[in-house]
C-alpha atoms as a PDB file:
ATOM      1  CA  UNK A   1     -14.597   5.659   3.007  1.00  0.00           C
ATOM      2  CA  UNK A   2     -13.833   2.215   3.652  1.00  0.00           C
ATOM      3  CA  UNK A   3     -10.372   0.776   4.564  1.00  0.00           C
ATOM      4  CA  UNK A   4      -9.090  -2.387   4.569  1.00  0.00           C
ATOM      5  CA  UNK A   5      -6.138  -4.191   6.470  1.00  0.00           C
ATOM      6  CA  UNK A   6      -4.685  -6.851   4.956  1.00  0.00           C
ATOM      7  CA  UNK A   7      -2.074  -9.091   7.118  1.00  0.00           C
ATOM      8  CA  UNK A   8       0.354 -11.402   5.618  1.00  0.00           C
ATOM      9  CA  UNK A   9       0.979 -14.308   7.500  1.00  0.00           C
ATOM     10  CA  UNK A  10       4.010 -14.077  10.236  1.00  0.00           C
ATOM     11  CA  UNK A  11       5.192 -17.688   9.175  1.00  0.00           C
ATOM     12  CA  UNK A  12       5.344 -16.786   5.465  1.00  0.00           C
ATOM     13  CA  UNK A  13       8.947 -16.571   4.153  1.00  0.00           C
ATOM     14  CA  UNK A  14       9.584 -12.625   3.953  1.00  0.00           C
ATOM     15  CA  UNK A  15      10.124 -13.410  -0.027  1.00  0.00           C
ATOM     16  CA  UNK A  16       6.636 -14.216  -0.443  1.00  0.00           C
ATOM     17  CA  UNK A  17       5.378 -11.125   1.437  1.00  0.00           C
ATOM     18  CA  UNK A  18       7.611  -9.252  -1.388  1.00  0.00           C
ATOM     19  CA  UNK A  19       5.697 -11.314  -3.996  1.00  0.00           C
ATOM     20  CA  UNK A  20       2.455 -10.582  -2.526  1.00  0.00           C
ATOM     21  CA  UNK A  21       2.887  -6.955  -2.615  1.00  0.00           C
ATOM     22  CA  UNK A  22       4.293  -6.781  -6.168  1.00  0.00           C
ATOM     23  CA  UNK A  23       0.886  -8.689  -7.099  1.00  0.00           C
ATOM     24  CA  UNK A  24      -0.874  -6.997  -5.061  1.00  0.00           C
ATOM     25  CA  UNK A  25       0.238  -3.284  -7.067  1.00  0.00           C
ATOM     26  CA  UNK A  26       0.121  -5.771 -10.533  1.00  0.00           C
ATOM     27  CA  UNK A  27      -3.987  -6.201  -9.795  1.00  0.00           C
ATOM     28  CA  UNK A  28      -4.220  -2.333  -8.867  1.00  0.00           C
ATOM     29  CA  UNK A  29      -2.261  -1.238 -11.674  1.00  0.00           C
ATOM     30  CA  UNK A  30      -4.888  -2.946 -14.132  1.00  0.00           C
ATOM     31  CA  UNK A  31      -7.660  -1.631 -12.135  1.00  0.00           C
ATOM     32  CA  UNK A  32      -6.752   1.555 -12.711  1.00  0.00           C
ATOM     33  CA  UNK A  33      -5.968   1.360 -16.269  1.00  0.00           C
ATOM     34  CA  UNK A  34      -9.434   0.063 -16.884  1.00  0.00           C
ATOM     35  CA  UNK A  35     -10.765   3.116 -14.977  1.00  0.00           C
ATOM     36  CA  UNK A  36      -8.712   5.570 -16.961  1.00  0.00           C
ATOM     37  CA  UNK A  37      -9.747   3.787 -20.019  1.00  0.00           C
ATOM     38  CA  UNK A  38     -13.129   3.949 -19.060  1.00  0.00           C
ATOM     39  CA  UNK A  39     -13.030   7.449 -18.059  1.00  0.00           C
ATOM     40  CA  UNK A  40     -11.191   9.000 -21.114  1.00  0.00           C
ATOM     41  CA  UNK A  41     -14.156   6.624 -23.426  1.00  0.00           C
ATOM     42  CA  UNK A  42     -16.537   8.790 -21.209  1.00  0.00           C
ATOM     43  CA  UNK A  43     -14.513  12.324 -21.612  1.00  0.00           C
ATOM     44  CA  UNK A  44     -14.592  12.319 -17.832  1.00  0.00           C
ATOM     45  CA  UNK A  45     -11.910  12.919 -14.907  1.00  0.00           C
ATOM     46  CA  UNK A  46      -8.972  13.369 -17.444  1.00  0.00           C
ATOM     47  CA  UNK A  47      -5.915  12.939 -16.447  1.00  0.00           C
ATOM     48  CA  UNK A  48      -7.149  12.658 -12.582  1.00  0.00           C
ATOM     49  CA  UNK A  49      -4.882  10.316 -10.014  1.00  0.00           C
ATOM     50  CA  UNK A  50      -5.502   6.612  -9.932  1.00  0.00           C
ATOM     51  CA  UNK A  51      -8.800   5.746  -7.801  1.00  0.00           C
ATOM     52  CA  UNK A  52      -7.291   2.564  -6.121  1.00  0.00           C
ATOM     53  CA  UNK A  53      -4.164   2.260  -3.780  1.00  0.00           C
ATOM     54  CA  UNK A  54      -4.191  -0.213  -1.300  1.00  0.00           C
ATOM     55  CA  UNK A  55      -2.441   1.103   1.969  1.00  0.00           C
ATOM     56  CA  UNK A  56       0.732  -1.622   2.666  1.00  0.00           C
ATOM     57  CA  UNK A  57       2.675  -1.111   5.936  1.00  0.00           C
ATOM     58  CA  UNK A  58       5.730  -3.075   6.810  1.00  0.00           C
ATOM     59  CA  UNK A  59       6.052  -4.432  10.377  1.00  0.00           C
ATOM     60  CA  UNK A  60       9.084  -6.427  10.905  1.00  0.00           C
ATOM     61  CA  UNK A  61      12.064  -7.074  13.560  1.00  0.00           C
ATOM     62  CA  UNK A  62      14.492  -6.235  10.594  1.00  0.00           C
ATOM     63  CA  UNK A  63      15.898  -3.135  11.090  1.00  0.00           C
ATOM     64  CA  UNK A  64      18.298  -3.468   8.361  1.00  0.00           C
ATOM     65  CA  UNK A  65      18.254  -0.812   5.864  1.00  0.00           C
ATOM     66  CA  UNK A  66      18.469  -3.084   2.832  1.00  0.00           C
ATOM     67  CA  UNK A  67      15.225  -4.837   4.147  1.00  0.00           C
ATOM     68  CA  UNK A  68      13.779  -0.995   4.650  1.00  0.00           C
ATOM     69  CA  UNK A  69      14.811  -0.437   0.970  1.00  0.00           C
ATOM     70  CA  UNK A  70      13.174  -3.574  -0.297  1.00  0.00           C
ATOM     71  CA  UNK A  71      10.098  -3.463   1.017  1.00  0.00           C
ATOM     72  CA  UNK A  72       9.522   0.355  -0.352  1.00  0.00           C
ATOM     73  CA  UNK A  73      10.803  -1.507  -3.814  1.00  0.00           C
ATOM     74  CA  UNK A  74       8.228  -4.018  -4.083  1.00  0.00           C
ATOM     75  CA  UNK A  75       5.141  -1.642  -3.540  1.00  0.00           C
ATOM     76  CA  UNK A  76       5.430  -0.953   0.485  1.00  0.00           C
ATOM     77  CA  UNK A  77       3.958   2.118   1.728  1.00  0.00           C
ATOM     78  CA  UNK A  78       5.831   2.439   4.893  1.00  0.00           C
ATOM     79  CA  UNK A  79       7.900   0.463   7.536  1.00  0.00           C
ATOM     80  CA  UNK A  80       7.605   0.319  11.172  1.00  0.00           C
ATOM     81  CA  UNK A  81       9.991  -2.114  13.384  1.00  0.00           C
ATOM     82  CA  UNK A  82       9.022  -4.151  15.786  1.00  0.00           C
ATOM     83  CA  UNK A  83       8.602  -3.855  18.842  1.00  0.00           C
ATOM     84  CA  UNK A  84       6.979  -0.424  18.397  1.00  0.00           C
ATOM     85  CA  UNK A  85       4.187   1.236  20.545  1.00  0.00           C
ATOM     86  CA  UNK A  86       1.123   1.767  20.282  1.00  0.00           C
ATOM     87  CA  UNK A  87       1.580   5.616  19.101  1.00  0.00           C
ATOM     88  CA  UNK A  88       4.267   4.448  16.819  1.00  0.00           C
ATOM     89  CA  UNK A  89       1.788   2.460  14.945  1.00  0.00           C
ATOM     90  CA  UNK A  90      -1.442   4.797  14.939  1.00  0.00           C
ATOM     91  CA  UNK A  91       1.337   7.715  13.527  1.00  0.00           C
ATOM     92  CA  UNK A  92       2.161   5.373  10.577  1.00  0.00           C
ATOM     93  CA  UNK A  93      -1.085   4.557   9.715  1.00  0.00           C
ATOM     94  CA  UNK A  94      -2.318   8.050  10.389  1.00  0.00           C
ATOM     95  CA  UNK A  95      -0.301   8.805   7.110  1.00  0.00           C
ATOM     96  CA  UNK A  96      -2.274   6.756   5.120  1.00  0.00           C
ATOM     97  CA  UNK A  97      -5.465   8.295   6.241  1.00  0.00           C
ATOM     98  CA  UNK A  98      -4.866  11.855   6.610  1.00  0.00           C
ATOM     99  CA  UNK A  99      -2.938  11.840   3.140  1.00  0.00           C
ATOM    100  CA  UNK A 100      -5.999  10.684   1.202  1.00  0.00           C
ATOM    101  CA  UNK A 101      -8.733  13.402   0.077  1.00  0.00           C
ATOM    102  CA  UNK A 102     -12.415  12.141   1.530  1.00  0.00           C
ATOM    103  CA  UNK A 103     -14.404  10.842  -1.105  1.00  0.00           C
ATOM    104  CA  UNK A 104     -18.366   9.989  -0.533  1.00  0.00           C
END
């Protein structure tokens, strides 16, 4: 199994980070729709879950509830407030890895 980590530049304004996340989710949605269409055409995996999903975890010093809600609203999967220790980051990332079934 392969995992990717995509880090948005910290000097980007938060609006750009939100928009980048929205664009990633749009591309995922389009790719998943093509896969579902193909699978439906081939009579495979009818109703199968979306195979493509890049976990996106926000890491920010902003601890305002509205920021957390905006992160989730734009498509991010989680949120870690800085400063954080190694264990907090590990636990946040582990949620993504543990929640996905292993695929060969």
